[in-house]
Amino acid sequence: MNTYELTVILRPSDANDGAREKVREILEKNKVTIVSEDPWGVRALAYPIKRQNEGYYDFMIIEAAPESIQSIISSFRLNASILRHLFVKTQKKSA
């Protein structure tokens, strides 16, 4: 299991309509453990994405198997409520 930082940008109108729960369902389906979650809320985007000028940011630290990341990305691409996503693998702290 690797540790990743996951940032998801949702359409602001869909964030309260179950899109956040759908993201969690996708992660649970792929046996991902959510270590912590920090919803940043609605923020202005630097440039329009799919005609949206604002996005709902959700930041998570997750633990997942490396082979499950591609499956998660495929599911995220099929969800119209998700504007962007970013996985960043974090380094393990050395003792």
PDB file of N, CA and C in Angstrom:
ATOM      1  N   MET A   1       0.843  -1.184   0.000  1.00  0.00           N
ATOM      2  CA  MET A   1       0.000   0.000   0.000  1.00  0.00           C
ATOM      3  C   MET A   1       0.885   1.242   0.000  1.00  0.00           C
ATOM      4  N   ASN A   2       0.577   2.156  -0.894  1.00  0.00           N
ATOM      5  CA  ASN A   2       1.276   3.424  -0.956  1.00  0.00           C
ATOM      6  C   ASN A   2       0.378   4.533  -0.432  1.00  0.00           C
ATOM      7  N   THR A   3       0.984   5.621   0.006  1.00  0.00           N
ATOM      8  CA  THR A   3       0.233   6.777   0.477  1.00  0.00           C
ATOM      9  C   THR A   3       0.225   7.834  -0.626  1.00  0.00           C
ATOM     10  N   TYR A   4      -0.948   8.378  -0.888  1.00  0.00           N
ATOM     11  CA  TYR A   4      -1.120   9.385  -1.929  1.00  0.00           C
ATOM     12  C   TYR A   4      -1.883  10.582  -1.369  1.00  0.00           C
ATOM     13  N   GLU A   5      -1.601  11.746  -1.944  1.00  0.00           N
ATOM     14  CA  GLU A   5      -2.434  12.925  -1.743  1.00  0.00           C
ATOM     15  C   GLU A   5      -3.344  12.999  -2.960  1.00  0.00           C
ATOM     16  N   LEU A   6      -4.638  13.101  -2.728  1.00  0.00           N
ATOM     17  CA  LEU A   6      -5.613  13.160  -3.813  1.00  0.00           C
ATOM     18  C   LEU A   6      -6.368  14.472  -3.724  1.00  0.00           C
ATOM     19  N   THR A   7      -6.345  15.231  -4.809  1.00  0.00           N
ATOM     20  CA  THR A   7      -7.133  16.451  -4.904  1.00  0.00           C
ATOM     21  C   THR A   7      -8.160  16.256  -6.011  1.00  0.00           C
ATOM     22  N   VAL A   8      -9.414  16.494  -5.690  1.00  0.00           N
ATOM     23  CA  VAL A   8     -10.499  16.346  -6.650  1.00  0.00           C
ATOM     24  C   VAL A   8     -11.217  17.688  -6.750  1.00  0.00           C
ATOM     25  N   ILE A   9     -11.467  18.140  -7.983  1.00  0.00           N
ATOM     26  CA  ILE A   9     -12.233  19.367  -8.207  1.00  0.00           C
ATOM     27  C   ILE A   9     -13.572  18.964  -8.811  1.00  0.00           C
ATOM     28  N   LEU A  10     -14.639  19.311  -8.120  1.00  0.00           N
ATOM     29  CA  LEU A  10     -15.996  18.978  -8.545  1.00  0.00           C
ATOM     30  C   LEU A  10     -16.718  20.224  -9.033  1.00  0.00           C
ATOM     31  N   ARG A  11     -17.759  20.003  -9.826  1.00  0.00           N
ATOM     32  CA  ARG A  11     -18.647  21.120 -10.182  1.00  0.00           C
ATOM     33  C   ARG A  11     -19.309  21.597  -8.893  1.00  0.00           C
ATOM     34  N   PRO A  12     -19.321  22.912  -8.630  1.00  0.00           N
ATOM     35  CA  PRO A  12     -19.898  23.397  -7.368  1.00  0.00           C
ATOM     36  C   PRO A  12     -21.371  23.022  -7.206  1.00  0.00           C
ATOM     37  N   SER A  13     -22.115  22.988  -8.314  1.00  0.00           N
ATOM     38  CA  SER A  13     -23.540  22.654  -8.223  1.00  0.00           C
ATOM     39  C   SER A  13     -23.756  21.184  -7.865  1.00  0.00           C
ATOM     40  N   ASP A  14     -22.807  20.326  -8.215  1.00  0.00           N
ATOM     41  CA  ASP A  14     -22.954  18.899  -7.960  1.00  0.00           C
ATOM     42  C   ASP A  14     -22.351  18.453  -6.629  1.00  0.00           C
ATOM     43  N   ALA A  15     -21.538  19.309  -5.993  1.00  0.00           N
ATOM     44  CA  ALA A  15     -20.846  18.919  -4.767  1.00  0.00           C
ATOM     45  C   ALA A  15     -21.830  18.578  -3.645  1.00  0.00           C
ATOM     46  N   ASN A  16     -22.926  19.297  -3.570  1.00  0.00           N
ATOM     47  CA  ASN A  16     -23.918  19.041  -2.528  1.00  0.00           C
ATOM     48  C   ASN A  16     -24.963  18.016  -2.969  1.00  0.00           C
ATOM     49  N   ASP A  17     -24.948  17.647  -4.246  1.00  0.00           N
ATOM     50  CA  ASP A  17     -25.941  16.722  -4.780  1.00  0.00           C
ATOM     51  C   ASP A  17     -25.437  15.287  -4.841  1.00  0.00           C
ATOM     52  N   GLY A  18     -24.464  14.954  -4.020  1.00  0.00           N
ATOM     53  CA  GLY A  18     -24.016  13.575  -3.955  1.00  0.00           C
ATOM     54  C   GLY A  18     -22.735  13.272  -4.704  1.00  0.00           C
ATOM     55  N   ALA A  19     -22.114  14.253  -5.316  1.00  0.00           N
ATOM     56  CA  ALA A  19     -20.876  13.989  -6.059  1.00  0.00           C
ATOM     57  C   ALA A  19     -19.736  13.606  -5.113  1.00  0.00           C
ATOM     58  N   ARG A  20     -19.680  14.218  -3.940  1.00  0.00           N
ATOM     59  CA  ARG A  20     -18.637  13.867  -2.961  1.00  0.00           C
ATOM     60  C   ARG A  20     -18.810  12.418  -2.500  1.00  0.00           C
ATOM     61  N   GLU A  21     -20.061  12.004  -2.304  1.00  0.00           N
ATOM     62  CA  GLU A  21     -20.320  10.628  -1.903  1.00  0.00           C
ATOM     63  C   GLU A  21     -19.943   9.660  -3.020  1.00  0.00           C
ATOM     64  N   LYS A  22     -20.170  10.071  -4.276  1.00  0.00           N
ATOM     65  CA  LYS A  22     -19.822   9.227  -5.423  1.00  0.00           C
ATOM     66  C   LYS A  22     -18.312   9.026  -5.494  1.00  0.00           C
ATOM     67  N   VAL A  23     -17.535  10.076  -5.180  1.00  0.00           N
ATOM     68  CA  VAL A  23     -16.071   9.944  -5.150  1.00  0.00           C
ATOM     69  C   VAL A  23     -15.675   8.927  -4.090  1.00  0.00           C
ATOM     70  N   ARG A  24     -16.286   9.018  -2.912  1.00  0.00           N
ATOM     71  CA  ARG A  24     -15.976   8.066  -1.837  1.00  0.00           C
ATOM     72  C   ARG A  24     -16.359   6.637  -2.231  1.00  0.00           C
ATOM     73  N   GLU A  25     -17.490   6.472  -2.934  1.00  0.00           N
ATOM     74  CA  GLU A  25     -17.911   5.143  -3.382  1.00  0.00           C
ATOM     75  C   GLU A  25     -16.896   4.545  -4.353  1.00  0.00           C
ATOM     76  N   ILE A  26     -16.380   5.371  -5.268  1.00  0.00           N
ATOM     77  CA  ILE A  26     -15.374   4.900  -6.218  1.00  0.00           C
ATOM     78  C   ILE A  26     -14.127   4.449  -5.469  1.00  0.00           C
ATOM     79  N   LEU A  27     -13.718   5.237  -4.473  1.00  0.00           N
ATOM     80  CA  LEU A  27     -12.531   4.880  -3.695  1.00  0.00           C
ATOM     81  C   LEU A  27     -12.755   3.601  -2.892  1.00  0.00           C
ATOM     82  N   GLU A  28     -13.912   3.472  -2.263  1.00  0.00           N
ATOM     83  CA  GLU A  28     -14.208   2.275  -1.473  1.00  0.00           C
ATOM     84  C   GLU A  28     -14.286   1.028  -2.358  1.00  0.00           C
ATOM     85  N   LYS A  29     -14.837   1.185  -3.560  1.00  0.00           N
ATOM     86  CA  LYS A  29     -14.946   0.065  -4.489  1.00  0.00           C
ATOM     87  C   LYS A  29     -13.561  -0.475  -4.862  1.00  0.00           C
ATOM     88  N   ASN A  30     -12.567   0.419  -4.874  1.00  0.00           N
ATOM     89  CA  ASN A  30     -11.198   0.040  -5.223  1.00  0.00           C
ATOM     90  C   ASN A  30     -10.340  -0.227  -3.991  1.00  0.00           C
ATOM     91  N   LYS A  31     -10.986  -0.447  -2.850  1.00  0.00           N
ATOM     92  CA  LYS A  31     -10.320  -0.816  -1.593  1.00  0.00           C
ATOM     93  C   LYS A  31      -9.269   0.199  -1.152  1.00  0.00           C
ATOM     94  N   VAL A  32      -9.660   1.472  -1.200  1.00  0.00           N
ATOM     95  CA  VAL A  32      -8.797   2.572  -0.781  1.00  0.00           C
ATOM     96  C   VAL A  32      -9.174   2.968   0.636  1.00  0.00           C
ATOM     97  N   THR A  33      -8.175   3.247   1.461  1.00  0.00           N
ATOM     98  CA  THR A  33      -8.403   3.733   2.816  1.00  0.00           C
ATOM     99  C   THR A  33      -8.188   5.243   2.832  1.00  0.00           C
ATOM    100  N   ILE A  34      -9.200   5.982   3.281  1.00  0.00           N
ATOM    101  CA  ILE A  34      -9.076   7.432   3.407  1.00  0.00           C
ATOM    102  C   ILE A  34      -8.511   7.721   4.784  1.00  0.00           C
ATOM    103  N   VAL A  35      -7.280   8.228   4.822  1.00  0.00           N
ATOM    104  CA  VAL A  35      -6.609   8.525   6.086  1.00  0.00           C
ATOM    105  C   VAL A  35      -7.144   9.832   6.659  1.00  0.00           C
ATOM    106  N   SER A  36      -7.231  10.860   5.824  1.00  0.00           N
ATOM    107  CA  SER A  36      -7.792  12.140   6.264  1.00  0.00           C
ATOM    108  C   SER A  36      -8.424  12.839   5.072  1.00  0.00           C
ATOM    109  N   GLU A  37      -9.357  13.719   5.367  1.00  0.00           N
ATOM    110  CA  GLU A  37     -10.058  14.476   4.324  1.00  0.00           C
ATOM    111  C   GLU A  37     -10.165  15.920   4.768  1.00  0.00           C
ATOM    112  N   ASP A  38      -9.896  16.827   3.842  1.00  0.00           N
ATOM    113  CA  ASP A  38      -9.946  18.252   4.125  1.00  0.00           C
ATOM    114  C   ASP A  38     -10.698  18.952   2.995  1.00  0.00           C
ATOM    115  N   PRO A  39     -12.002  19.169   3.144  1.00  0.00           N
ATOM    116  CA  PRO A  39     -12.735  19.870   2.087  1.00  0.00           C
ATOM    117  C   PRO A  39     -12.371  21.360   2.088  1.00  0.00           C
ATOM    118  N   TRP A  40     -11.868  21.834   0.954  1.00  0.00           N
ATOM    119  CA  TRP A  40     -11.460  23.235   0.842  1.00  0.00           C
ATOM    120  C   TRP A  40     -12.609  24.128   0.428  1.00  0.00           C
ATOM    121  N   GLY A  41     -13.688  23.561  -0.073  1.00  0.00           N
ATOM    122  CA  GLY A  41     -14.844  24.346  -0.468  1.00  0.00           C
ATOM    123  C   GLY A  41     -14.724  24.896  -1.883  1.00  0.00           C
ATOM    124  N   VAL A  42     -15.572  25.870  -2.187  1.00  0.00           N
ATOM    125  CA  VAL A  42     -15.634  26.446  -3.526  1.00  0.00           C
ATOM    126  C   VAL A  42     -14.538  27.502  -3.665  1.00  0.00           C
ATOM    127  N   ARG A  43     -13.776  27.368  -4.739  1.00  0.00           N
ATOM    128  CA  ARG A  43     -12.691  28.308  -5.039  1.00  0.00           C
ATOM    129  C   ARG A  43     -12.761  28.682  -6.511  1.00  0.00           C
ATOM    130  N   ALA A  44     -12.239  29.851  -6.828  1.00  0.00           N
ATOM    131  CA  ALA A  44     -12.155  30.281  -8.220  1.00  0.00           C
ATOM    132  C   ALA A  44     -11.073  29.473  -8.927  1.00  0.00           C
ATOM    133  N   LEU A  45     -11.356  29.093 -10.160  1.00  0.00           N
ATOM    134  CA  LEU A  45     -10.383  28.368 -10.965  1.00  0.00           C
ATOM    135  C   LEU A  45      -9.480  29.367 -11.692  1.00  0.00           C
ATOM    136  N   ALA A  46      -8.246  28.989 -11.947  1.00  0.00           N
ATOM    137  CA  ALA A  46      -7.311  29.859 -12.656  1.00  0.00           C
ATOM    138  C   ALA A  46      -7.749  30.066 -14.104  1.00  0.00           C
ATOM    139  N   TYR A  47      -8.423  29.091 -14.672  1.00  0.00           N
ATOM    140  CA  TYR A  47      -8.936  29.174 -16.036  1.00  0.00           C
ATOM    141  C   TYR A  47     -10.201  28.325 -16.093  1.00  0.00           C
ATOM    142  N   PRO A  48     -11.124  28.639 -17.003  1.00  0.00           N
ATOM    143  CA  PRO A  48     -12.367  27.857 -17.079  1.00  0.00           C
ATOM    144  C   PRO A  48     -12.102  26.397 -17.467  1.00  0.00           C
ATOM    145  N   ILE A  49     -12.796  25.505 -16.790  1.00  0.00           N
ATOM    146  CA  ILE A  49     -12.753  24.081 -17.100  1.00  0.00           C
ATOM    147  C   ILE A  49     -14.184  23.645 -17.385  1.00  0.00           C
ATOM    148  N   LYS A  50     -14.422  23.179 -18.589  1.00  0.00           N
ATOM    149  CA  LYS A  50     -15.766  22.754 -19.013  1.00  0.00           C
ATOM    150  C   LYS A  50     -16.802  23.832 -18.701  1.00  0.00           C
ATOM    151  N   ARG A  51     -16.448  25.068 -19.023  1.00  0.00           N
ATOM    152  CA  ARG A  51     -17.302  26.253 -18.849  1.00  0.00           C
ATOM    153  C   ARG A  51     -17.609  26.583 -17.394  1.00  0.00           C
ATOM    154  N   GLN A  52     -16.804  26.089 -16.484  1.00  0.00           N
ATOM    155  CA  GLN A  52     -16.954  26.387 -15.061  1.00  0.00           C
ATOM    156  C   GLN A  52     -15.841  27.345 -14.635  1.00  0.00           C
ATOM    157  N   ASN A  53     -16.195  28.391 -13.902  1.00  0.00           N
ATOM    158  CA  ASN A  53     -15.213  29.342 -13.401  1.00  0.00           C
ATOM    159  C   ASN A  53     -14.866  29.089 -11.936  1.00  0.00           C
ATOM    160  N   GLU A  54     -15.654  28.255 -11.274  1.00  0.00           N
ATOM    161  CA  GLU A  54     -15.419  27.890  -9.883  1.00  0.00           C
ATOM    162  C   GLU A  54     -15.473  26.372  -9.755  1.00  0.00           C
ATOM    163  N   GLY A  55     -14.817  25.857  -8.721  1.00  0.00           N
ATOM    164  CA  GLY A  55     -14.833  24.430  -8.474  1.00  0.00           C
ATOM    165  C   GLY A  55     -14.819  24.152  -6.986  1.00  0.00           C
ATOM    166  N   TYR A  56     -15.389  23.022  -6.610  1.00  0.00           N
ATOM    167  CA  TYR A  56     -15.375  22.584  -5.215  1.00  0.00           C
ATOM    168  C   TYR A  56     -14.175  21.670  -5.042  1.00  0.00           C
ATOM    169  N   TYR A  57     -13.225  22.080  -4.207  1.00  0.00           N
ATOM    170  CA  TYR A  57     -11.990  21.326  -3.983  1.00  0.00           C
ATOM    171  C   TYR A  57     -12.151  20.406  -2.776  1.00  0.00           C
ATOM    172  N   ASP A  58     -11.713  19.173  -2.945  1.00  0.00           N
ATOM    173  CA  ASP A  58     -11.699  18.197  -1.853  1.00  0.00           C
ATOM    174  C   ASP A  58     -10.315  17.558  -1.837  1.00  0.00           C
ATOM    175  N   PHE A  59      -9.597  17.688  -0.727  1.00  0.00           N
ATOM    176  CA  PHE A  59      -8.242  17.170  -0.583  1.00  0.00           C
ATOM    177  C   PHE A  59      -8.259  15.999   0.377  1.00  0.00           C
ATOM    178  N   MET A  60      -7.639  14.884  -0.011  1.00  0.00           N
ATOM    179  CA  MET A  60      -7.615  13.685   0.819  1.00  0.00           C
ATOM    180  C   MET A  60      -6.219  13.088   0.850  1.00  0.00           C
ATOM    181  N   ILE A  61      -5.898  12.445   1.945  1.00  0.00           N
ATOM    182  CA  ILE A  61      -4.728  11.591   2.025  1.00  0.00           C
ATOM    183  C   ILE A  61      -5.261  10.166   2.079  1.00  0.00           C
ATOM    184  N   ILE A  62      -4.813   9.346   1.130  1.00  0.00           N
ATOM    185  CA  ILE A  62      -5.353   7.993   1.000  1.00  0.00           C
ATOM    186  C   ILE A  62      -4.223   6.974   0.976  1.00  0.00           C
ATOM    187  N   GLU A  63      -4.582   5.742   1.273  1.00  0.00           N
ATOM    188  CA  GLU A  63      -3.681   4.610   1.117  1.00  0.00           C
ATOM    189  C   GLU A  63      -4.314   3.670   0.110  1.00  0.00           C
ATOM    190  N   ALA A  64      -3.543   3.348  -0.937  1.00  0.00           N
ATOM    191  CA  ALA A  64      -4.075   2.512  -2.009  1.00  0.00           C
ATOM    192  C   ALA A  64      -2.972   1.666  -2.611  1.00  0.00           C
ATOM    193  N   ALA A  65      -3.387   0.566  -3.204  1.00  0.00           N
ATOM    194  CA  ALA A  65      -2.454  -0.264  -3.948  1.00  0.00           C
ATOM    195  C   ALA A  65      -2.145   0.434  -5.272  1.00  0.00           C
ATOM    196  N   PRO A  66      -0.901   0.379  -5.731  1.00  0.00           N
ATOM    197  CA  PRO A  66      -0.541   1.077  -6.971  1.00  0.00           C
ATOM    198  C   PRO A  66      -1.380   0.654  -8.182  1.00  0.00           C
ATOM    199  N   GLU A  67      -1.760  -0.629  -8.240  1.00  0.00           N
ATOM    200  CA  GLU A  67      -2.534  -1.089  -9.396  1.00  0.00           C
ATOM    201  C   GLU A  67      -3.978  -0.595  -9.385  1.00  0.00           C
ATOM    202  N   SER A  68      -4.492  -0.119  -8.260  1.00  0.00           N
ATOM    203  CA  SER A  68      -5.869   0.374  -8.201  1.00  0.00           C
ATOM    204  C   SER A  68      -5.989   1.819  -8.675  1.00  0.00           C
ATOM    205  N   ILE A  69      -4.887   2.553  -8.773  1.00  0.00           N
ATOM    206  CA  ILE A  69      -4.942   3.963  -9.155  1.00  0.00           C
ATOM    207  C   ILE A  69      -5.484   4.123 -10.572  1.00  0.00           C
ATOM    208  N   GLN A  70      -5.053   3.281 -11.498  1.00  0.00           N
ATOM    209  CA  GLN A  70      -5.526   3.401 -12.880  1.00  0.00           C
ATOM    210  C   GLN A  70      -7.027   3.132 -12.976  1.00  0.00           C
ATOM    211  N   SER A  71      -7.535   2.204 -12.201  1.00  0.00           N
ATOM    212  CA  SER A  71      -8.968   1.920 -12.181  1.00  0.00           C
ATOM    213  C   SER A  71      -9.753   3.112 -11.626  1.00  0.00           C
ATOM    214  N   ILE A  72      -9.209   3.752 -10.602  1.00  0.00           N
ATOM    215  CA  ILE A  72      -9.857   4.929 -10.022  1.00  0.00           C
ATOM    216  C   ILE A  72      -9.889   6.061 -11.044  1.00  0.00           C
ATOM    217  N   ILE A  73      -8.779   6.286 -11.731  1.00  0.00           N
ATOM    218  CA  ILE A  73      -8.715   7.343 -12.735  1.00  0.00           C
ATOM    219  C   ILE A  73      -9.730   7.092 -13.846  1.00  0.00           C
ATOM    220  N   SER A  74      -9.873   5.848 -14.276  1.00  0.00           N
ATOM    221  CA  SER A  74     -10.861   5.511 -15.309  1.00  0.00           C
ATOM    222  C   SER A  74     -12.280   5.825 -14.842  1.00  0.00           C
ATOM    223  N   SER A  75     -12.575   5.521 -13.582  1.00  0.00           N
ATOM    224  CA  SER A  75     -13.912   5.817 -13.037  1.00  0.00           C
ATOM    225  C   SER A  75     -14.131   7.314 -12.902  1.00  0.00           C
ATOM    226  N   PHE A  76     -13.091   8.055 -12.506  1.00  0.00           N
ATOM    227  CA  PHE A  76     -13.206   9.511 -12.390  1.00  0.00           C
ATOM    228  C   PHE A  76     -13.491  10.145 -13.744  1.00  0.00           C
ATOM    229  N   ARG A  77     -12.879   9.627 -14.803  1.00  0.00           N
ATOM    230  CA  ARG A  77     -13.080  10.190 -16.143  1.00  0.00           C
ATOM    231  C   ARG A  77     -14.507  10.004 -16.632  1.00  0.00           C
ATOM    232  N   LEU A  78     -15.171   8.964 -16.175  1.00  0.00           N
ATOM    233  CA  LEU A  78     -16.551   8.706 -16.588  1.00  0.00           C
ATOM    234  C   LEU A  78     -17.566   9.543 -15.819  1.00  0.00           C
ATOM    235  N   ASN A  79     -17.151  10.163 -14.728  1.00  0.00           N
ATOM    236  CA  ASN A  79     -18.049  10.949 -13.889  1.00  0.00           C
ATOM    237  C   ASN A  79     -18.001  12.410 -14.342  1.00  0.00           C
ATOM    238  N   ALA A  80     -19.125  12.924 -14.843  1.00  0.00           N
ATOM    239  CA  ALA A  80     -19.183  14.292 -15.373  1.00  0.00           C
ATOM    240  C   ALA A  80     -19.071  15.352 -14.282  1.00  0.00           C
ATOM    241  N   SER A  81     -19.319  14.998 -13.032  1.00  0.00           N
ATOM    242  CA  SER A  81     -19.234  15.962 -11.934  1.00  0.00           C
ATOM    243  C   SER A  81     -17.796  16.288 -11.554  1.00  0.00           C
ATOM    244  N   ILE A  82     -16.854  15.421 -11.926  1.00  0.00           N
ATOM    245  CA  ILE A  82     -15.453  15.632 -11.579  1.00  0.00           C
ATOM    246  C   ILE A  82     -14.777  16.398 -12.710  1.00  0.00           C
ATOM    247  N   LEU A  83     -14.337  17.630 -12.397  1.00  0.00           N
ATOM    248  CA  LEU A  83     -13.665  18.450 -13.399  1.00  0.00           C
ATOM    249  C   LEU A  83     -12.202  18.042 -13.559  1.00  0.00           C
ATOM    250  N   ARG A  84     -11.500  17.867 -12.447  1.00  0.00           N
ATOM    251  CA  ARG A  84     -10.086  17.484 -12.460  1.00  0.00           C
ATOM    252  C   ARG A  84      -9.769  16.642 -11.223  1.00  0.00           C
ATOM    253  N   HIS A  85      -8.690  15.884 -11.318  1.00  0.00           N
ATOM    254  CA  HIS A  85      -8.201  15.104 -10.177  1.00  0.00           C
ATOM    255  C   HIS A  85      -6.683  15.031 -10.275  1.00  0.00           C
ATOM    256  N   LEU A  86      -6.038  14.849  -9.139  1.00  0.00           N
ATOM    257  CA  LEU A  86      -4.585  14.760  -9.107  1.00  0.00           C
ATOM    258  C   LEU A  86      -4.161  13.823  -7.986  1.00  0.00           C
ATOM    259  N   PHE A  87      -3.401  12.802  -8.353  1.00  0.00           N
ATOM    260  CA  PHE A  87      -2.794  11.890  -7.386  1.00  0.00           C
ATOM    261  C   PHE A  87      -1.317  12.247  -7.270  1.00  0.00           C
ATOM    262  N   VAL A  88      -0.832  12.394  -6.043  1.00  0.00           N
ATOM    263  CA  VAL A  88       0.582  12.630  -5.791  1.00  0.00           C
ATOM    264  C   VAL A  88       1.046  11.595  -4.777  1.00  0.00           C
ATOM    265  N   LYS A  89       2.027  10.781  -5.177  1.00  0.00           N
ATOM    266  CA  LYS A  89       2.555   9.773  -4.267  1.00  0.00           C
ATOM    267  C   LYS A  89       3.486  10.454  -3.286  1.00  0.00           C
ATOM    268  N   THR A  90       3.268  10.205  -1.996  1.00  0.00           N
ATOM    269  CA  THR A  90       4.105  10.817  -0.970  1.00  0.00           C
ATOM    270  C   THR A  90       5.241   9.878  -0.590  1.00  0.00           C
ATOM    271  N   GLN A  91       6.325  10.452  -0.174  1.00  0.00           N
ATOM    272  CA  GLN A  91       7.481   9.684   0.234  1.00  0.00           C
ATOM    273  C   GLN A  91       7.298   9.188   1.665  1.00  0.00           C
ATOM    274  N   LYS A  92       7.749   7.985   1.920  1.00  0.00           N
ATOM    275  CA  LYS A  92       7.715   7.469   3.288  1.00  0.00           C
ATOM    276  C   LYS A  92       8.837   8.116   4.062  1.00  0.00           C
ATOM    277  N   LYS A  93       8.562   8.494   5.310  1.00  0.00           N
ATOM    278  CA  LYS A  93       9.557   9.126   6.154  1.00  0.00           C
ATOM    279  C   LYS A  93      10.582   8.086   6.596  1.00  0.00           C
ATOM    280  N   SER A  94      11.851   8.432   6.457  1.00  0.00           N
ATOM    281  CA  SER A  94      12.896   7.505   6.899  1.00  0.00           C
ATOM    282  C   SER A  94      13.167   7.704   8.391  1.00  0.00           C
ATOM    283  N   ALA A  95      13.489   6.634   9.066  1.00  0.00           N
ATOM    284  CA  ALA A  95      13.680   6.687  10.513  1.00  0.00           C
ATOM    285  C   ALA A  95      15.042   7.194  10.891  1.00  0.00           C
TER     286      ALA A  95
END
